[in-house]
Amino acid sequence: MKYTVYNKNIAIIRPNFTIGTSKQAQPLIESIGSAIEEKSPKFIIINLQHLTFIDSNFLGALVKSLKVALKKNAELVVTNLQPPVKSMFELTKLYNIFKVYSSEEDAISTLS
C-alpha cells in the first residue's frame, strides 16, 4: 500500500481493497509509518472509500497508527466511510477518537 503526498503537510493513503482484516492491517500500519518517517507530514488522510467491511484487527491498526502519528506530532484523519464501516465507527465509538470527514476534498480544504 502506497501513500501520496498532497503537499508537504499532508500525506494521503488510499487503501485499494474492499475488506479490512488482519491481512490488511499490517500493510496499513507500514504505509502510515513510512509516510511519517519519510515525509513528516502534519496530517495523514486515510481515504476508506473502497472498504465495505472492517474487523477489529483493522480498527486496532487504525488506533495503533493514530498513536504513532500523535507521537510524531501528526494528526491522522479518515474520510469516505461507507455505511458498514461508518456503523463500525459508531458501534466502537471511534468517532470520539478520530476526526472523520465526508470526503478527501473536505479534509484537504479543512487541513490546508
N, C-alpha and C. Protein backbone atom coordinates (compact mmCIF):
# COMPACT_ATOMS: atom_id res chain seq x y z
N MET A 1 0.86 -1.16 0.00
CA MET A 1 0.00 0.00 0.00
C MET A 1 0.91 1.23 0.00
N LYS A 2 0.64 2.13 -0.89
CA LYS A 2 1.47 3.33 -1.01
C LYS A 2 0.70 4.54 -0.48
N TYR A 3 1.44 5.61 -0.34
CA TYR A 3 0.82 6.85 0.06
C TYR A 3 1.15 7.91 -0.98
N THR A 4 0.35 8.95 -1.00
CA THR A 4 0.54 10.08 -1.89
C THR A 4 0.79 11.30 -1.03
N VAL A 5 1.71 12.14 -1.47
CA VAL A 5 1.94 13.38 -0.75
C VAL A 5 1.17 14.46 -1.49
N TYR A 6 0.19 15.04 -0.82
CA TYR A 6 -0.61 16.11 -1.42
C TYR A 6 0.19 17.40 -1.43
N ASN A 7 0.73 17.74 -0.32
CA ASN A 7 1.69 18.84 -0.20
C ASN A 7 2.60 18.47 0.96
N LYS A 8 3.52 19.35 1.32
CA LYS A 8 4.48 18.95 2.35
C LYS A 8 3.84 18.68 3.71
N ASN A 9 2.62 19.12 3.91
CA ASN A 9 1.95 18.94 5.19
C ASN A 9 0.95 17.80 5.22
N ILE A 10 0.56 17.28 4.06
CA ILE A 10 -0.50 16.27 4.01
C ILE A 10 -0.05 15.05 3.21
N ALA A 11 -0.17 13.88 3.83
CA ALA A 11 0.03 12.61 3.13
C ALA A 11 -1.32 11.91 3.07
N ILE A 12 -1.60 11.27 1.95
CA ILE A 12 -2.88 10.60 1.75
C ILE A 12 -2.64 9.13 1.48
N ILE A 13 -3.37 8.29 2.19
CA ILE A 13 -3.31 6.85 1.98
C ILE A 13 -4.68 6.40 1.51
N ARG A 14 -4.69 5.70 0.37
CA ARG A 14 -5.95 5.22 -0.21
C ARG A 14 -5.90 3.70 -0.36
N PRO A 15 -6.30 2.97 0.67
CA PRO A 15 -6.31 1.51 0.55
C PRO A 15 -7.18 1.09 -0.64
N ASN A 16 -6.67 0.15 -1.43
CA ASN A 16 -7.40 -0.25 -2.64
C ASN A 16 -8.03 -1.63 -2.49
N PHE A 17 -8.45 -1.96 -1.29
CA PHE A 17 -9.13 -3.23 -1.06
C PHE A 17 -10.50 -2.94 -0.46
N THR A 18 -11.37 -3.95 -0.47
CA THR A 18 -12.74 -3.74 0.00
C THR A 18 -12.99 -4.28 1.40
N ILE A 19 -12.12 -5.18 1.85
CA ILE A 19 -12.29 -5.79 3.17
C ILE A 19 -11.04 -5.52 3.99
N GLY A 20 -11.22 -4.91 5.16
CA GLY A 20 -10.11 -4.61 6.05
C GLY A 20 -10.08 -5.59 7.21
N THR A 21 -9.13 -6.52 7.16
CA THR A 21 -8.97 -7.52 8.21
C THR A 21 -7.51 -7.51 8.68
N SER A 22 -7.14 -8.51 9.45
CA SER A 22 -5.76 -8.59 9.94
C SER A 22 -4.77 -8.67 8.79
N LYS A 23 -5.17 -9.24 7.68
CA LYS A 23 -4.29 -9.34 6.50
C LYS A 23 -3.91 -7.96 5.98
N GLN A 24 -4.81 -7.02 6.02
CA GLN A 24 -4.55 -5.67 5.51
C GLN A 24 -4.06 -4.72 6.59
N ALA A 25 -4.17 -5.12 7.84
CA ALA A 25 -3.80 -4.23 8.95
C ALA A 25 -2.32 -3.88 8.94
N GLN A 26 -1.46 -4.86 8.80
CA GLN A 26 -0.03 -4.59 8.85
C GLN A 26 0.44 -3.71 7.68
N PRO A 27 0.00 -3.95 6.44
CA PRO A 27 0.39 -3.04 5.36
C PRO A 27 -0.07 -1.59 5.61
N LEU A 28 -1.23 -1.44 6.23
CA LEU A 28 -1.71 -0.09 6.55
C LEU A 28 -0.77 0.57 7.56
N ILE A 29 -0.42 -0.14 8.61
CA ILE A 29 0.50 0.40 9.62
C ILE A 29 1.83 0.77 8.99
N GLU A 30 2.33 -0.10 8.11
CA GLU A 30 3.61 0.16 7.45
C GLU A 30 3.55 1.39 6.55
N SER A 31 2.46 1.55 5.82
CA SER A 31 2.31 2.72 4.94
C SER A 31 2.27 4.01 5.74
N ILE A 32 1.53 4.00 6.82
CA ILE A 32 1.45 5.19 7.67
C ILE A 32 2.81 5.48 8.28
N GLY A 33 3.48 4.45 8.77
CA GLY A 33 4.81 4.63 9.34
C GLY A 33 5.80 5.18 8.32
N SER A 34 5.75 4.67 7.09
CA SER A 34 6.63 5.16 6.03
C SER A 34 6.36 6.62 5.72
N ALA A 35 5.09 6.97 5.62
CA ALA A 35 4.74 8.37 5.33
C ALA A 35 5.27 9.29 6.42
N ILE A 36 5.12 8.88 7.66
CA ILE A 36 5.58 9.70 8.79
C ILE A 36 7.10 9.83 8.77
N GLU A 37 7.79 8.73 8.61
CA GLU A 37 9.26 8.75 8.66
C GLU A 37 9.88 9.46 7.46
N GLU A 38 9.31 9.26 6.28
CA GLU A 38 9.91 9.80 5.06
C GLU A 38 9.54 11.26 4.81
N LYS A 39 8.33 11.66 5.15
CA LYS A 39 7.84 12.99 4.77
C LYS A 39 7.49 13.89 5.93
N SER A 40 7.36 13.35 7.12
CA SER A 40 6.99 14.12 8.32
C SER A 40 5.80 15.05 8.09
N PRO A 41 4.68 14.52 7.58
CA PRO A 41 3.52 15.38 7.36
C PRO A 41 2.87 15.79 8.68
N LYS A 42 2.15 16.90 8.64
CA LYS A 42 1.37 17.31 9.81
C LYS A 42 0.06 16.53 9.87
N PHE A 43 -0.42 16.12 8.70
CA PHE A 43 -1.70 15.43 8.60
C PHE A 43 -1.56 14.20 7.71
N ILE A 44 -2.24 13.13 8.12
CA ILE A 44 -2.32 11.92 7.30
C ILE A 44 -3.80 11.65 7.09
N ILE A 45 -4.20 11.62 5.84
CA ILE A 45 -5.59 11.34 5.49
C ILE A 45 -5.66 9.89 5.02
N ILE A 46 -6.55 9.11 5.63
CA ILE A 46 -6.79 7.75 5.18
C ILE A 46 -8.17 7.73 4.53
N ASN A 47 -8.18 7.55 3.23
CA ASN A 47 -9.41 7.54 2.45
C ASN A 47 -9.91 6.10 2.37
N LEU A 48 -10.99 5.81 3.06
CA LEU A 48 -11.51 4.45 3.15
C LEU A 48 -12.67 4.18 2.19
N GLN A 49 -12.70 4.90 1.08
CA GLN A 49 -13.84 4.82 0.17
C GLN A 49 -14.12 3.43 -0.39
N HIS A 50 -13.10 2.59 -0.53
CA HIS A 50 -13.32 1.27 -1.11
C HIS A 50 -13.71 0.21 -0.09
N LEU A 51 -13.53 0.50 1.18
CA LEU A 51 -13.80 -0.51 2.20
C LEU A 51 -15.28 -0.64 2.49
N THR A 52 -15.76 -1.87 2.41
CA THR A 52 -17.15 -2.16 2.74
C THR A 52 -17.27 -2.99 4.01
N PHE A 53 -16.12 -3.43 4.54
CA PHE A 53 -16.10 -4.19 5.79
C PHE A 53 -14.77 -3.98 6.47
N ILE A 54 -14.80 -3.79 7.79
CA ILE A 54 -13.57 -3.76 8.60
C ILE A 54 -13.82 -4.56 9.87
N ASP A 55 -12.80 -5.27 10.31
CA ASP A 55 -12.93 -6.03 11.55
C ASP A 55 -12.14 -5.36 12.66
N SER A 56 -12.14 -5.99 13.82
CA SER A 56 -11.47 -5.40 14.97
C SER A 56 -9.96 -5.29 14.78
N ASN A 57 -9.36 -6.19 14.03
CA ASN A 57 -7.93 -6.12 13.76
C ASN A 57 -7.59 -4.87 12.96
N PHE A 58 -8.41 -4.58 11.98
CA PHE A 58 -8.17 -3.40 11.15
C PHE A 58 -8.41 -2.13 11.97
N LEU A 59 -9.46 -2.14 12.79
CA LEU A 59 -9.70 -1.00 13.67
C LEU A 59 -8.53 -0.80 14.63
N GLY A 60 -8.01 -1.90 15.13
CA GLY A 60 -6.83 -1.82 16.01
C GLY A 60 -5.64 -1.22 15.30
N ALA A 61 -5.46 -1.55 14.03
CA ALA A 61 -4.37 -0.98 13.24
C ALA A 61 -4.54 0.52 13.08
N LEU A 62 -5.78 0.96 12.90
CA LEU A 62 -6.03 2.40 12.79
C LEU A 62 -5.67 3.11 14.10
N VAL A 63 -6.07 2.50 15.21
CA VAL A 63 -5.78 3.11 16.52
C VAL A 63 -4.28 3.11 16.78
N LYS A 64 -3.61 2.02 16.48
CA LYS A 64 -2.16 1.96 16.65
C LYS A 64 -1.48 3.02 15.79
N SER A 65 -1.93 3.17 14.57
CA SER A 65 -1.37 4.17 13.66
C SER A 65 -1.60 5.59 14.17
N LEU A 66 -2.76 5.80 14.77
CA LEU A 66 -3.05 7.10 15.35
C LEU A 66 -2.06 7.42 16.47
N LYS A 67 -1.76 6.44 17.31
CA LYS A 67 -0.79 6.64 18.39
C LYS A 67 0.59 6.99 17.84
N VAL A 68 1.00 6.28 16.78
CA VAL A 68 2.29 6.55 16.14
C VAL A 68 2.31 7.96 15.58
N ALA A 69 1.23 8.34 14.91
CA ALA A 69 1.15 9.68 14.33
C ALA A 69 1.23 10.75 15.42
N LEU A 70 0.49 10.57 16.49
CA LEU A 70 0.47 11.57 17.55
C LEU A 70 1.85 11.74 18.20
N LYS A 71 2.59 10.63 18.33
CA LYS A 71 3.94 10.71 18.89
C LYS A 71 4.86 11.54 18.01
N LYS A 72 4.56 11.58 16.72
CA LYS A 72 5.37 12.33 15.76
C LYS A 72 4.74 13.69 15.44
N ASN A 73 3.80 14.11 16.28
CA ASN A 73 3.11 15.40 16.11
C ASN A 73 2.37 15.51 14.79
N ALA A 74 1.80 14.40 14.36
CA ALA A 74 0.97 14.39 13.16
C ALA A 74 -0.45 14.02 13.56
N GLU A 75 -1.39 14.45 12.75
CA GLU A 75 -2.79 14.13 13.01
C GLU A 75 -3.27 13.17 11.93
N LEU A 76 -3.94 12.10 12.33
CA LEU A 76 -4.45 11.11 11.41
C LEU A 76 -5.97 11.27 11.34
N VAL A 77 -6.50 11.42 10.13
CA VAL A 77 -7.94 11.56 9.94
C VAL A 77 -8.41 10.52 8.92
N VAL A 78 -9.68 10.21 8.94
CA VAL A 78 -10.25 9.26 7.98
C VAL A 78 -11.36 9.94 7.19
N THR A 79 -11.54 9.46 5.96
CA THR A 79 -12.56 10.03 5.08
C THR A 79 -13.32 8.92 4.35
N ASN A 80 -14.42 9.32 3.77
CA ASN A 80 -15.20 8.49 2.85
C ASN A 80 -15.64 7.16 3.46
N LEU A 81 -16.20 7.20 4.66
CA LEU A 81 -16.67 5.97 5.29
C LEU A 81 -17.94 5.48 4.62
N GLN A 82 -17.89 4.25 4.15
CA GLN A 82 -19.07 3.63 3.57
C GLN A 82 -19.99 3.18 4.71
N PRO A 83 -21.30 3.01 4.47
CA PRO A 83 -22.23 2.71 5.56
C PRO A 83 -21.81 1.60 6.52
N PRO A 84 -21.33 0.44 6.03
CA PRO A 84 -20.95 -0.60 7.01
C PRO A 84 -19.75 -0.20 7.87
N VAL A 85 -18.81 0.52 7.28
CA VAL A 85 -17.63 0.97 8.02
C VAL A 85 -18.04 2.08 8.99
N LYS A 86 -18.90 2.95 8.54
CA LYS A 86 -19.41 4.01 9.40
C LYS A 86 -20.11 3.41 10.62
N SER A 87 -20.87 2.35 10.40
CA SER A 87 -21.54 1.67 11.52
C SER A 87 -20.55 1.13 12.53
N MET A 88 -19.43 0.57 12.05
CA MET A 88 -18.40 0.07 12.97
C MET A 88 -17.78 1.21 13.76
N PHE A 89 -17.55 2.35 13.12
CA PHE A 89 -17.00 3.51 13.83
C PHE A 89 -17.99 3.98 14.90
N GLU A 90 -19.28 3.94 14.58
CA GLU A 90 -20.29 4.34 15.56
C GLU A 90 -20.39 3.33 16.70
N LEU A 91 -20.41 2.06 16.37
CA LEU A 91 -20.53 1.00 17.36
C LEU A 91 -19.36 1.01 18.34
N THR A 92 -18.17 1.24 17.83
CA THR A 92 -16.97 1.23 18.67
C THR A 92 -16.62 2.61 19.23
N LYS A 93 -17.43 3.60 18.87
CA LYS A 93 -17.24 4.98 19.34
C LYS A 93 -15.91 5.59 18.89
N LEU A 94 -15.41 5.12 17.76
CA LEU A 94 -14.17 5.68 17.23
C LEU A 94 -14.36 7.11 16.72
N TYR A 95 -15.60 7.54 16.57
CA TYR A 95 -15.85 8.93 16.21
C TYR A 95 -15.32 9.87 17.29
N ASN A 96 -15.19 9.35 18.52
CA ASN A 96 -14.66 10.17 19.61
C ASN A 96 -13.14 10.28 19.56
N ILE A 97 -12.50 9.42 18.79
CA ILE A 97 -11.05 9.38 18.73
C ILE A 97 -10.51 9.98 17.43
N PHE A 98 -11.15 9.65 16.32
CA PHE A 98 -10.71 10.10 15.01
C PHE A 98 -11.53 11.28 14.51
N LYS A 99 -10.88 12.16 13.79
CA LYS A 99 -11.63 13.15 13.02
C LYS A 99 -12.05 12.46 11.74
N VAL A 100 -13.34 12.55 11.44
CA VAL A 100 -13.89 11.89 10.26
C VAL A 100 -14.45 12.96 9.33
N TYR A 101 -14.05 12.89 8.07
CA TYR A 101 -14.54 13.82 7.06
C TYR A 101 -15.33 13.04 6.02
N SER A 102 -16.33 13.69 5.45
CA SER A 102 -17.17 13.01 4.48
C SER A 102 -16.42 12.71 3.18
N SER A 103 -15.44 13.53 2.84
CA SER A 103 -14.69 13.29 1.61
C SER A 103 -13.23 13.72 1.80
N GLU A 104 -12.41 13.21 0.93
CA GLU A 104 -10.99 13.58 0.94
C GLU A 104 -10.84 15.07 0.66
N GLU A 105 -11.65 15.59 -0.23
CA GLU A 105 -11.60 17.01 -0.58
C GLU A 105 -11.95 17.89 0.63
N ASP A 106 -12.96 17.48 1.41
CA ASP A 106 -13.32 18.22 2.62
C ASP A 106 -12.15 18.24 3.61
N ALA A 107 -11.52 17.11 3.76
CA ALA A 107 -10.38 17.03 4.69
C ALA A 107 -9.24 17.93 4.22
N ILE A 108 -8.93 17.86 2.94
CA ILE A 108 -7.83 18.67 2.40
C ILE A 108 -8.13 20.16 2.58
N SER A 109 -9.34 20.57 2.24
CA SER A 109 -9.65 22.01 2.36
C SER A 109 -9.64 22.47 3.81
N THR A 110 -10.05 21.62 4.74
CA THR A 110 -10.04 21.99 6.15
C THR A 110 -8.62 21.99 6.73
N LEU A 111 -7.81 21.03 6.33
CA LEU A 111 -6.49 20.88 6.92
C LEU A 111 -5.42 21.73 6.24
N SER A 112 -5.69 22.20 5.05
CA SER A 112 -4.69 23.01 4.31
C SER A 112 -4.57 24.41 4.88
